[in-house]
Amino acid sequence: MARANDFALNYLAAHEAAGMTRVNLAPILHRIAEDPNYMFGQELQQLGGQCPIHGDTRKEDYEKVVINTLLALLYGDLRAHITNRLPLSEDGHIILANPPDSPHGLDVADPAGLDAADPDRMVGFLRDAICHLLDAIITEWTIKVMVEEDRCRTEGTITELAAACFVLSQALQNSVLHSPSGYDMMSITKTGSHTALHVCWNLVESAPLLRPDLDAAAYDDLARRSLKQILPLSMGSLGMLCQFMAAGRIEADDHQAIHPLRADQLAFVYDEEQDVILLNAALIEPTAMVGERHYTGCPAFYANGLINLYMEIVLALAARYGIYQRLQGKGAGLTA
């Protein structure tokens, strides 16, 4: 039997074994809340004052603390924006549009076709559609933040949102980690959003694989109770996240979030005694880039309720389109 905290403990230990120290962004965000001028200070540029700086500390380590702190700060506003802008029908269902160039050949306006679609095709279609919907909302949010910064610049005023956008833009332009690839606030946010949705879908899809023959309400309850067991995945480094997803067979070769969970996945296990889905701690291996000393975890982890919001979106779509019932019998369950 696996304990509920086995994954988190082993995950932290693996980072230590790889020679990495966690920089917790929560106290840095608290400092900014007390004094927004902290964003412009030297301490934020020096690992937020949390860790001793070694002579061989990579520039990338300094960058990730600054960039992820500012993203986490901005993501509080992103969560509110998604909540306000998510299109809902009169009966409270999320309104989806057909994703462009979709390989699934389905149409949201064709209920009969959706009902007849095989499970993986339907799940892939929903994954694709919600990624595109959130991409559009994130684009709108990014424009809103940039307009706020431009307004403040013109008026000679400043807001926390505009300041965070300005400092983040400067950090990204000078980043050895992001500037070569042209990553900006919008592209980073969309990529992270896809990853969060992918993991949430995987949790939902794993429930009927690991625990067959429940009703929809029981699956919804199981997924909700299990989310806190999955959240430690977002606390780690990008390298460790990628390593675990590859070892667990939950990352496709093209790294796209539209692919349904494989029946032979190894990442999720069901613990019968605790009646929760856990992450498989046996798959963790220490992983770090050459010279990497520090990690922060995903900025969305520090934005209160953002990952939970993504989970609520996935749960709503799973219930609306009968995903749990469709996936019955897809594969044999695994127990811890």
Protein backbone atom coordinates (compact mmCIF):
# COMPACT_ATOMS: atom_id res chain seq x y z
CA MET A 1 0.00 0.00 0.00
CA ALA A 2 1.20 3.50 -0.83
CA ARG A 3 0.85 6.31 1.68
CA ALA A 4 -0.82 9.49 0.51
CA ASN A 5 2.39 11.52 0.95
CA ASP A 6 4.81 8.96 -0.55
CA PHE A 7 5.02 10.78 -3.86
CA ALA A 8 5.63 14.23 -2.36
CA LEU A 9 8.35 12.92 -0.03
CA ASN A 10 10.11 10.94 -2.74
CA TYR A 11 9.77 13.83 -5.19
CA LEU A 12 11.45 16.25 -2.77
CA ALA A 13 14.16 13.70 -1.99
CA ALA A 14 14.85 13.18 -5.69
CA HIS A 15 15.36 16.91 -6.18
CA GLU A 16 17.80 16.94 -3.28
CA ALA A 17 19.62 13.93 -4.73
CA ALA A 18 19.89 15.81 -8.03
CA GLY A 19 21.53 18.69 -6.16
CA MET A 20 18.62 21.13 -6.30
CA THR A 21 17.17 23.39 -3.62
CA ARG A 22 13.55 24.54 -3.74
CA VAL A 23 12.92 28.28 -3.74
CA ASN A 24 9.44 28.75 -2.29
CA LEU A 25 7.75 31.64 -4.09
CA ALA A 26 5.05 32.12 -1.42
CA PRO A 27 7.15 34.34 0.89
CA ILE A 28 8.39 36.35 -2.09
CA LEU A 29 4.80 36.97 -3.18
CA HIS A 30 4.01 37.99 0.39
CA ARG A 31 6.84 40.55 0.29
CA ILE A 32 5.47 41.98 -2.95
CA ALA A 33 1.98 42.19 -1.45
CA GLU A 34 3.43 44.20 1.45
CA ASP A 35 5.55 46.41 -0.81
CA PRO A 36 5.06 46.24 -4.61
CA ASN A 37 8.37 48.09 -5.03
CA TYR A 38 10.04 44.79 -4.09
CA MET A 39 9.50 43.78 -7.73
CA PHE A 40 12.06 46.39 -8.79
CA GLY A 41 14.61 45.59 -6.07
CA GLN A 42 17.86 43.68 -6.28
CA GLU A 43 16.82 41.01 -3.79
CA LEU A 44 14.22 39.54 -6.15
CA GLN A 45 16.99 39.18 -8.74
CA GLN A 46 19.09 37.26 -6.18
CA LEU A 47 16.86 34.21 -5.65
CA GLY A 48 14.44 36.25 -3.58
CA GLY A 49 16.93 36.30 -0.71
CA GLN A 50 16.08 32.70 0.17
CA CYS A 51 19.11 30.64 -0.83
CA PRO A 52 22.86 31.14 -0.51
CA ILE A 53 24.27 32.10 -3.89
CA HIS A 54 27.12 29.95 -5.10
CA GLY A 55 29.76 31.24 -7.46
CA ASP A 56 28.68 28.80 -10.15
CA THR A 57 24.93 29.48 -9.89
CA ARG A 58 23.54 29.57 -13.41
CA LYS A 59 21.90 32.69 -14.79
CA GLU A 60 18.90 30.48 -15.54
CA ASP A 61 18.38 29.85 -11.82
CA TYR A 62 18.16 33.56 -11.08
CA GLU A 63 15.80 33.99 -14.02
CA LYS A 64 13.34 31.27 -13.08
CA VAL A 65 12.79 32.79 -9.63
CA VAL A 66 12.06 36.25 -11.07
CA ILE A 67 9.95 35.03 -13.99
CA ASN A 68 7.94 32.44 -12.08
CA THR A 69 7.30 34.85 -9.20
CA LEU A 70 5.90 37.49 -11.54
CA LEU A 71 3.85 34.92 -13.46
CA ALA A 72 2.41 33.61 -10.18
CA LEU A 73 1.48 37.18 -9.23
CA LEU A 74 -0.21 37.78 -12.59
CA TYR A 75 -2.01 34.44 -12.52
CA GLY A 76 -4.26 35.58 -9.70
CA ASP A 77 -5.75 38.01 -12.20
CA LEU A 78 -5.76 35.31 -14.89
CA ARG A 79 -7.89 33.06 -12.70
CA ALA A 80 -10.47 35.82 -12.24
CA HIS A 81 -10.41 36.57 -15.96
CA ILE A 82 -11.03 32.95 -16.95
CA THR A 83 -13.85 32.69 -14.42
CA ASN A 84 -15.50 35.83 -15.80
CA ARG A 85 -14.96 35.08 -19.48
CA LEU A 86 -15.65 31.34 -19.67
CA PRO A 87 -18.69 31.10 -21.98
CA LEU A 88 -21.64 29.33 -20.36
CA SER A 89 -25.03 28.36 -21.72
CA GLU A 90 -28.27 29.26 -19.95
CA ASP A 91 -28.20 25.89 -18.18
CA GLY A 92 -24.60 26.43 -17.00
CA HIS A 93 -22.69 24.24 -19.46
CA ILE A 94 -19.39 25.38 -20.99
CA ILE A 95 -19.93 26.46 -24.60
CA LEU A 96 -17.30 24.88 -26.84
CA ALA A 97 -16.42 25.65 -30.44
CA ASN A 98 -14.97 23.19 -32.91
CA PRO A 99 -11.18 23.37 -32.69
CA PRO A 100 -9.53 24.48 -35.96
CA ASP A 101 -7.92 21.78 -38.08
CA SER A 102 -9.16 19.15 -35.65
CA PRO A 103 -8.11 15.57 -36.50
CA HIS A 104 -11.15 14.15 -34.70
CA GLY A 105 -13.83 14.94 -37.27
CA LEU A 106 -16.50 15.82 -34.70
CA ASP A 107 -18.87 18.75 -34.48
CA VAL A 108 -20.21 20.31 -31.26
CA ALA A 109 -23.45 21.04 -33.12
CA ASP A 110 -23.97 17.33 -33.93
CA PRO A 111 -25.14 15.62 -30.71
CA ALA A 112 -25.76 12.32 -32.48
CA GLY A 113 -22.23 12.28 -33.86
CA LEU A 114 -20.80 13.07 -30.44
CA ASP A 115 -22.86 10.30 -28.83
CA ALA A 116 -21.64 7.79 -31.42
CA ALA A 117 -17.94 8.72 -31.17
CA ASP A 118 -15.61 6.16 -29.64
CA PRO A 119 -14.21 7.11 -26.19
CA ASP A 120 -10.67 8.12 -27.18
CA ARG A 121 -11.90 10.15 -30.13
CA MET A 122 -14.39 11.98 -27.93
CA VAL A 123 -11.86 12.67 -25.18
CA GLY A 124 -9.32 13.90 -27.72
CA PHE A 125 -11.92 16.21 -29.25
CA LEU A 126 -12.85 17.69 -25.86
CA ARG A 127 -9.20 18.14 -24.91
CA ASP A 128 -8.54 19.93 -28.20
CA ALA A 129 -11.63 22.14 -27.89
CA ILE A 130 -10.97 23.28 -24.32
CA CYS A 131 -7.30 24.02 -25.07
CA HIS A 132 -8.35 26.30 -27.92
CA LEU A 133 -11.04 27.97 -25.82
CA LEU A 134 -8.60 28.73 -23.01
CA ASP A 135 -5.98 29.88 -25.52
CA ALA A 136 -8.46 32.50 -26.75
CA ILE A 137 -9.22 33.62 -23.20
CA ILE A 138 -5.50 33.79 -22.36
CA THR A 139 -4.86 35.88 -25.47
CA GLU A 140 -7.60 38.27 -24.38
CA TRP A 141 -6.14 38.41 -20.85
CA THR A 142 -2.63 39.09 -22.14
CA ILE A 143 -3.89 42.01 -24.21
CA LYS A 144 -5.73 43.36 -21.16
CA VAL A 145 -2.56 43.25 -19.04
CA MET A 146 -0.45 44.89 -21.75
CA VAL A 147 -3.05 47.62 -22.24
CA GLU A 148 -2.94 48.24 -18.48
CA GLU A 149 0.84 48.63 -18.61
CA ASP A 150 0.63 50.97 -21.61
CA ARG A 151 -2.05 53.09 -19.90
CA CYS A 152 0.08 53.46 -16.79
CA ARG A 153 3.11 54.36 -18.87
CA THR A 154 1.12 57.07 -20.70
CA GLU A 155 -0.47 58.49 -17.54
CA GLY A 156 2.66 58.28 -15.41
CA THR A 157 0.90 56.03 -12.89
CA ILE A 158 1.53 52.47 -11.77
CA THR A 159 -0.51 49.47 -10.68
CA GLU A 160 0.69 46.12 -9.37
CA LEU A 161 -0.49 44.41 -12.57
CA ALA A 162 1.31 46.89 -14.82
CA ALA A 163 4.49 46.72 -12.74
CA ALA A 164 4.52 42.91 -12.85
CA CYS A 165 3.98 42.97 -16.61
CA PHE A 166 6.81 45.48 -17.12
CA VAL A 167 9.38 43.67 -14.96
CA LEU A 168 8.40 40.31 -16.44
CA SER A 169 8.81 41.64 -19.99
CA GLN A 170 12.28 42.92 -19.14
CA ALA A 171 13.24 39.60 -17.56
CA LEU A 172 12.01 37.59 -20.55
CA GLN A 173 13.79 39.81 -23.07
CA ASN A 174 17.09 39.28 -21.22
CA SER A 175 16.52 35.61 -20.46
CA VAL A 176 19.02 33.00 -21.64
CA LEU A 177 16.29 30.45 -20.93
CA HIS A 178 13.37 31.99 -22.85
CA SER A 179 14.55 34.67 -25.28
CA PRO A 180 16.21 32.26 -27.79
CA SER A 181 12.84 30.52 -28.25
CA GLY A 182 10.85 33.75 -28.35
CA TYR A 183 8.77 32.80 -25.32
CA ASP A 184 6.69 35.58 -23.82
CA MET A 185 4.03 35.88 -21.15
CA MET A 186 1.29 34.62 -23.45
CA SER A 187 3.12 31.62 -24.89
CA ILE A 188 4.41 30.50 -21.49
CA THR A 189 0.92 30.79 -20.03
CA LYS A 190 -0.67 28.83 -22.86
CA THR A 191 1.94 26.08 -22.64
CA GLY A 192 1.52 25.81 -18.87
CA SER A 193 -2.25 25.84 -19.26
CA HIS A 194 -2.10 22.92 -21.68
CA THR A 195 0.09 20.94 -19.28
CA ALA A 196 -2.28 21.59 -16.37
CA LEU A 197 -5.29 20.57 -18.45
CA HIS A 198 -3.44 17.45 -19.62
CA VAL A 199 -2.74 16.32 -16.06
CA CYS A 200 -6.32 17.08 -14.98
CA TRP A 201 -7.71 15.08 -17.91
CA ASN A 202 -5.32 12.23 -17.06
CA LEU A 203 -6.61 12.12 -13.50
CA VAL A 204 -10.23 12.09 -14.68
CA GLU A 205 -9.57 9.44 -17.32
CA SER A 206 -7.59 7.26 -14.90
CA ALA A 207 -10.56 6.95 -12.53
CA PRO A 208 -12.62 4.46 -14.60
CA LEU A 209 -9.42 2.63 -15.58
CA LEU A 210 -8.35 2.09 -12.00
CA ARG A 211 -11.78 1.79 -10.37
CA PRO A 212 -14.34 0.30 -12.81
CA ASP A 213 -18.12 0.21 -12.47
CA LEU A 214 -18.84 3.32 -10.41
CA ASP A 215 -21.50 5.86 -11.29
CA ALA A 216 -20.67 9.36 -12.53
CA ALA A 217 -21.16 11.01 -9.13
CA ALA A 218 -18.75 8.56 -7.48
CA TYR A 219 -16.11 9.18 -10.15
CA ASP A 220 -16.50 12.93 -9.78
CA ASP A 221 -16.04 12.59 -6.02
CA LEU A 222 -13.00 10.33 -6.45
CA ALA A 223 -11.32 12.77 -8.84
CA ARG A 224 -11.99 15.74 -6.57
CA ARG A 225 -10.59 13.98 -3.51
CA SER A 226 -7.56 12.77 -5.45
CA LEU A 227 -6.54 16.15 -6.88
CA LYS A 228 -4.59 17.14 -3.77
CA GLN A 229 -2.56 13.92 -4.18
CA ILE A 230 -1.66 14.97 -7.74
CA LEU A 231 -0.77 18.60 -6.96
CA PRO A 232 2.79 17.80 -5.74
CA LEU A 233 3.67 17.16 -9.39
CA SER A 234 3.37 20.91 -9.99
CA MET A 235 5.77 21.70 -7.14
CA GLY A 236 8.81 20.22 -8.87
CA SER A 237 11.28 21.27 -11.54
CA LEU A 238 10.43 21.14 -15.22
CA GLY A 239 13.02 18.41 -15.73
CA MET A 240 11.55 16.20 -13.02
CA LEU A 241 8.04 16.80 -14.33
CA CYS A 242 9.05 15.72 -17.84
CA GLN A 243 10.93 12.71 -16.49
CA PHE A 244 7.94 11.50 -14.50
CA MET A 245 5.46 12.04 -17.33
CA ALA A 246 7.65 10.09 -19.74
CA ALA A 247 8.22 7.25 -17.27
CA GLY A 248 4.50 7.10 -16.53
CA ARG A 249 3.57 6.96 -20.22
CA ILE A 250 1.40 10.07 -19.96
CA GLU A 251 3.38 12.30 -22.31
CA ALA A 252 2.91 11.87 -26.06
CA ASP A 253 5.85 12.03 -28.46
CA ASP A 254 4.55 15.30 -29.92
CA HIS A 255 4.04 16.80 -26.41
CA GLN A 256 0.48 17.81 -27.28
CA ALA A 257 -2.27 17.82 -24.64
CA ILE A 258 -4.95 16.44 -26.97
CA HIS A 259 -4.03 12.77 -26.57
CA PRO A 260 -6.18 10.61 -24.26
CA LEU A 261 -4.62 8.69 -21.38
CA ARG A 262 -3.12 5.39 -22.50
CA ALA A 263 -4.59 2.23 -21.02
CA ASP A 264 -1.06 1.04 -20.16
CA GLN A 265 -0.20 4.20 -18.22
CA LEU A 266 1.84 3.77 -15.05
CA ALA A 267 1.67 7.25 -13.52
CA PHE A 268 -1.60 6.85 -11.58
CA VAL A 269 -2.41 4.11 -9.06
CA TYR A 270 -5.49 3.47 -6.95
CA ASP A 271 -5.15 2.97 -3.20
CA GLU A 272 -8.11 0.92 -2.05
CA GLU A 273 -7.67 1.52 1.68
CA GLN A 274 -7.64 5.31 1.33
CA ASP A 275 -9.97 5.29 -1.70
CA VAL A 276 -7.87 7.83 -3.61
CA ILE A 277 -5.82 7.94 -6.78
CA LEU A 278 -2.13 8.53 -6.13
CA LEU A 279 0.91 9.22 -8.25
CA ASN A 280 3.32 6.32 -8.62
CA ALA A 281 6.36 7.29 -6.55
CA ALA A 282 8.35 4.32 -7.89
CA LEU A 283 8.77 6.12 -11.23
CA ILE A 284 10.65 9.14 -9.81
CA GLU A 285 14.32 9.50 -10.75
CA PRO A 286 16.61 12.42 -9.84
CA THR A 287 16.83 14.66 -12.91
CA ALA A 288 18.52 18.03 -13.35
CA MET A 289 20.16 20.09 -16.06
CA VAL A 290 23.94 20.43 -15.86
CA GLY A 291 24.66 23.02 -13.16
CA GLU A 292 21.01 23.40 -12.15
CA ARG A 293 20.80 24.18 -8.43
CA HIS A 294 17.35 25.70 -7.84
CA TYR A 295 13.73 25.06 -8.75
CA THR A 296 10.48 26.82 -7.87
CA GLY A 297 7.65 24.66 -9.16
CA CYS A 298 4.98 25.82 -11.59
CA PRO A 299 3.84 29.43 -11.07
CA ALA A 300 0.21 28.25 -11.30
CA PHE A 301 0.80 26.28 -8.08
CA TYR A 302 1.17 29.59 -6.21
CA ALA A 303 -1.87 31.27 -7.79
CA ASN A 304 -4.68 30.50 -5.38
CA GLY A 305 -7.24 28.22 -7.01
CA LEU A 306 -5.94 28.31 -10.60
CA ILE A 307 -5.18 24.59 -10.94
CA ASN A 308 -8.45 23.83 -9.14
CA LEU A 309 -10.23 25.96 -11.75
CA TYR A 310 -8.71 23.89 -14.56
CA MET A 311 -9.84 20.77 -12.74
CA GLU A 312 -13.37 22.11 -12.38
CA ILE A 313 -13.47 22.80 -16.12
CA VAL A 314 -12.37 19.26 -16.94
CA LEU A 315 -14.81 17.75 -14.42
CA ALA A 316 -17.66 19.79 -15.91
CA LEU A 317 -16.89 18.54 -19.41
CA ALA A 318 -16.48 14.95 -18.21
CA ALA A 319 -19.91 15.06 -16.58
CA ARG A 320 -21.56 16.87 -19.50
CA TYR A 321 -20.39 14.36 -22.10
CA GLY A 322 -20.55 11.14 -20.05
CA ILE A 323 -16.81 10.49 -20.18
CA TYR A 324 -16.73 8.12 -17.21
CA GLN A 325 -19.31 5.82 -18.76
CA ARG A 326 -17.63 5.93 -22.17
CA LEU A 327 -14.28 4.86 -20.70
CA GLN A 328 -15.60 1.79 -18.89
CA GLY A 329 -13.67 -1.29 -19.95
CA LYS A 330 -10.87 0.61 -21.69
CA GLY A 331 -8.18 -1.12 -19.64
CA ALA A 332 -7.43 -3.11 -16.52
CA GLY A 333 -6.99 -1.23 -13.25
CA LEU A 334 -3.82 -0.97 -11.26
CA THR A 335 -3.74 -0.92 -7.47
CA ALA A 336 -1.10 0.42 -5.16
